[in-house]
Amino acid sequence: MAAEYDDPARDVLAVLEAAGFTIGALPDEQQEVFRSLTPEEVALLVDIKGRLDEAEPEVQAHGVVAGGALF
């Protein structure tokens, strides 16, 4: 996940959306927090989400809310 970003802010949101985070539904202020994440932080979030998804049944995994970001 330590990818080089051409446009870090745009790519961070795209990576998180591709991982299943519903970033587009968040207020601009919260999206800005996600845009400011480092590649390492993005990788950690994606890893944690993946592990949470694996640990819960499909239906429950999509209902988890953490800091306003729906998983």
N, C-alpha and C. Protein backbone atom coordinates (compact mmCIF):
# COMPACT_ATOMS: atom_id res chain seq x y z
N MET A 1 0.81 -1.19 0.00
CA MET A 1 0.00 0.00 0.00
C MET A 1 0.85 1.25 0.00
N ALA A 2 2.12 1.15 0.13
CA ALA A 2 2.99 2.32 0.14
C ALA A 2 3.17 2.84 -1.29
N ALA A 3 2.04 3.09 -1.95
CA ALA A 3 2.07 3.53 -3.34
C ALA A 3 2.43 5.01 -3.42
N GLU A 4 3.03 5.38 -4.52
CA GLU A 4 3.30 6.78 -4.80
C GLU A 4 2.01 7.39 -5.36
N TYR A 5 1.64 8.55 -4.90
CA TYR A 5 0.43 9.20 -5.35
C TYR A 5 0.78 10.38 -6.25
N ASP A 6 0.07 10.45 -7.42
CA ASP A 6 0.22 11.63 -8.29
C ASP A 6 -0.46 12.82 -7.64
N ASP A 7 -1.65 12.59 -7.13
CA ASP A 7 -2.41 13.60 -6.40
C ASP A 7 -2.83 12.94 -5.09
N PRO A 8 -2.04 13.10 -4.04
CA PRO A 8 -2.29 12.37 -2.79
C PRO A 8 -3.71 12.50 -2.26
N ALA A 9 -4.27 13.70 -2.26
CA ALA A 9 -5.60 13.88 -1.69
C ALA A 9 -6.64 13.08 -2.46
N ARG A 10 -6.59 13.15 -3.76
CA ARG A 10 -7.56 12.44 -4.59
C ARG A 10 -7.34 10.94 -4.49
N ASP A 11 -6.09 10.50 -4.54
CA ASP A 11 -5.80 9.08 -4.52
C ASP A 11 -6.14 8.44 -3.18
N VAL A 12 -5.92 9.13 -2.08
CA VAL A 12 -6.27 8.59 -0.77
C VAL A 12 -7.75 8.27 -0.72
N LEU A 13 -8.59 9.20 -1.16
CA LEU A 13 -10.03 8.97 -1.14
C LEU A 13 -10.40 7.83 -2.07
N ALA A 14 -9.78 7.75 -3.23
CA ALA A 14 -10.06 6.67 -4.18
C ALA A 14 -9.67 5.31 -3.60
N VAL A 15 -8.52 5.24 -2.94
CA VAL A 15 -8.07 3.99 -2.33
C VAL A 15 -9.05 3.56 -1.24
N LEU A 16 -9.46 4.49 -0.41
CA LEU A 16 -10.39 4.17 0.68
C LEU A 16 -11.76 3.76 0.13
N GLU A 17 -12.25 4.47 -0.87
CA GLU A 17 -13.53 4.10 -1.48
C GLU A 17 -13.45 2.70 -2.09
N ALA A 18 -12.34 2.40 -2.77
CA ALA A 18 -12.16 1.08 -3.38
C ALA A 18 -12.12 -0.03 -2.32
N ALA A 19 -11.67 0.33 -1.12
CA ALA A 19 -11.60 -0.64 -0.02
C ALA A 19 -12.95 -0.80 0.68
N GLY A 20 -13.93 0.00 0.29
CA GLY A 20 -15.26 -0.14 0.86
C GLY A 20 -15.67 0.92 1.86
N PHE A 21 -14.82 1.92 2.07
CA PHE A 21 -15.20 3.03 2.94
C PHE A 21 -16.14 3.94 2.17
N THR A 22 -17.18 4.44 2.82
CA THR A 22 -18.13 5.34 2.14
C THR A 22 -17.74 6.80 2.40
N ILE A 23 -16.59 7.15 1.93
CA ILE A 23 -16.02 8.48 2.17
C ILE A 23 -16.89 9.58 1.55
N GLY A 24 -17.45 9.32 0.38
CA GLY A 24 -18.25 10.33 -0.30
C GLY A 24 -19.48 10.76 0.47
N ALA A 25 -19.92 9.96 1.42
CA ALA A 25 -21.11 10.29 2.21
C ALA A 25 -20.76 11.16 3.42
N LEU A 26 -19.49 11.35 3.67
CA LEU A 26 -19.06 12.12 4.84
C LEU A 26 -19.04 13.62 4.55
N PRO A 27 -19.19 14.44 5.59
CA PRO A 27 -19.07 15.90 5.41
C PRO A 27 -17.67 16.27 4.92
N ASP A 28 -17.56 17.40 4.27
CA ASP A 28 -16.28 17.86 3.72
C ASP A 28 -15.18 17.90 4.77
N GLU A 29 -15.52 18.31 5.99
CA GLU A 29 -14.50 18.41 7.04
C GLU A 29 -13.90 17.04 7.36
N GLN A 30 -14.74 16.01 7.40
CA GLN A 30 -14.24 14.67 7.67
C GLN A 30 -13.47 14.12 6.46
N GLN A 31 -13.93 14.43 5.26
CA GLN A 31 -13.19 14.02 4.06
C GLN A 31 -11.79 14.63 4.06
N GLU A 32 -11.69 15.86 4.52
CA GLU A 32 -10.39 16.53 4.58
C GLU A 32 -9.44 15.79 5.52
N VAL A 33 -9.96 15.27 6.61
CA VAL A 33 -9.13 14.48 7.52
C VAL A 33 -8.58 13.26 6.78
N PHE A 34 -9.43 12.57 6.03
CA PHE A 34 -8.98 11.41 5.27
C PHE A 34 -7.96 11.80 4.21
N ARG A 35 -8.17 12.95 3.56
CA ARG A 35 -7.22 13.42 2.54
C ARG A 35 -5.82 13.66 3.13
N SER A 36 -5.77 13.99 4.41
CA SER A 36 -4.48 14.31 5.03
C SER A 36 -3.73 13.07 5.53
N LEU A 37 -4.32 11.89 5.40
CA LEU A 37 -3.65 10.68 5.88
C LEU A 37 -2.41 10.36 5.06
N THR A 38 -1.43 9.81 5.73
CA THR A 38 -0.22 9.35 5.04
C THR A 38 -0.51 8.01 4.38
N PRO A 39 0.30 7.59 3.43
CA PRO A 39 0.11 6.26 2.83
C PRO A 39 0.12 5.14 3.89
N GLU A 40 0.93 5.28 4.91
CA GLU A 40 0.99 4.28 5.97
C GLU A 40 -0.32 4.23 6.75
N GLU A 41 -0.91 5.40 7.02
CA GLU A 41 -2.18 5.44 7.73
C GLU A 41 -3.30 4.83 6.89
N VAL A 42 -3.29 5.13 5.60
CA VAL A 42 -4.29 4.55 4.69
C VAL A 42 -4.15 3.03 4.68
N ALA A 43 -2.93 2.53 4.58
CA ALA A 43 -2.70 1.09 4.57
C ALA A 43 -3.21 0.46 5.86
N LEU A 44 -3.00 1.11 6.98
CA LEU A 44 -3.46 0.59 8.26
C LEU A 44 -4.98 0.53 8.31
N LEU A 45 -5.65 1.59 7.88
CA LEU A 45 -7.11 1.60 7.87
C LEU A 45 -7.67 0.49 6.98
N VAL A 46 -7.08 0.33 5.79
CA VAL A 46 -7.54 -0.70 4.87
C VAL A 46 -7.32 -2.08 5.47
N ASP A 47 -6.17 -2.28 6.12
CA ASP A 47 -5.89 -3.57 6.76
C ASP A 47 -6.88 -3.86 7.88
N ILE A 48 -7.13 -2.87 8.74
CA ILE A 48 -8.07 -3.06 9.84
C ILE A 48 -9.46 -3.36 9.32
N LYS A 49 -9.90 -2.62 8.31
CA LYS A 49 -11.22 -2.86 7.74
C LYS A 49 -11.31 -4.27 7.18
N GLY A 50 -10.28 -4.71 6.50
CA GLY A 50 -10.27 -6.06 5.94
C GLY A 50 -10.40 -7.12 7.02
N ARG A 51 -9.67 -6.93 8.11
CA ARG A 51 -9.75 -7.89 9.22
C ARG A 51 -11.11 -7.86 9.89
N LEU A 52 -11.70 -6.67 10.05
CA LEU A 52 -13.04 -6.58 10.63
C LEU A 52 -14.06 -7.27 9.73
N ASP A 53 -13.95 -7.05 8.43
CA ASP A 53 -14.87 -7.68 7.48
C ASP A 53 -14.75 -9.20 7.54
N GLU A 54 -13.54 -9.71 7.68
CA GLU A 54 -13.33 -11.16 7.74
C GLU A 54 -13.87 -11.76 9.04
N ALA A 55 -13.88 -10.97 10.11
CA ALA A 55 -14.28 -11.46 11.42
C ALA A 55 -15.79 -11.46 11.62
N GLU A 56 -16.53 -10.76 10.82
CA GLU A 56 -17.97 -10.64 10.98
C GLU A 56 -18.70 -11.18 9.75
N PRO A 57 -19.92 -11.65 9.96
CA PRO A 57 -20.73 -12.04 8.80
C PRO A 57 -20.93 -10.85 7.86
N GLU A 58 -21.15 -11.14 6.61
CA GLU A 58 -21.30 -10.11 5.57
C GLU A 58 -22.26 -9.00 5.98
N VAL A 59 -23.43 -9.33 6.47
CA VAL A 59 -24.44 -8.32 6.80
C VAL A 59 -23.97 -7.42 7.93
N GLN A 60 -23.36 -7.97 8.98
CA GLN A 60 -22.92 -7.17 10.11
C GLN A 60 -21.73 -6.30 9.76
N ALA A 61 -20.84 -6.76 8.90
CA ALA A 61 -19.63 -6.02 8.58
C ALA A 61 -19.95 -4.66 7.97
N HIS A 62 -21.05 -4.55 7.26
CA HIS A 62 -21.38 -3.28 6.61
C HIS A 62 -22.11 -2.33 7.53
N GLY A 63 -22.47 -2.77 8.72
CA GLY A 63 -23.18 -1.92 9.64
C GLY A 63 -22.31 -1.26 10.69
N VAL A 64 -21.03 -1.50 10.66
CA VAL A 64 -20.12 -0.95 11.67
C VAL A 64 -19.86 0.51 11.36
N VAL A 65 -19.95 1.35 12.38
CA VAL A 65 -19.67 2.78 12.21
C VAL A 65 -18.50 3.13 13.13
N ALA A 66 -17.48 3.76 12.56
CA ALA A 66 -16.33 4.19 13.35
C ALA A 66 -15.98 5.60 12.95
N GLY A 67 -16.14 6.52 13.83
CA GLY A 67 -15.79 7.91 13.54
C GLY A 67 -16.56 8.50 12.38
N GLY A 68 -17.77 8.03 12.17
CA GLY A 68 -18.59 8.56 11.09
C GLY A 68 -18.36 7.87 9.76
N ALA A 69 -17.35 7.02 9.63
CA ALA A 69 -17.07 6.32 8.38
C ALA A 69 -17.73 4.95 8.43
N LEU A 70 -18.65 4.72 7.54
CA LEU A 70 -19.31 3.41 7.48
C LEU A 70 -18.39 2.41 6.82
N PHE A 71 -18.25 1.28 7.46
CA PHE A 71 -17.43 0.20 6.90
C PHE A 71 -18.33 -0.74 6.16
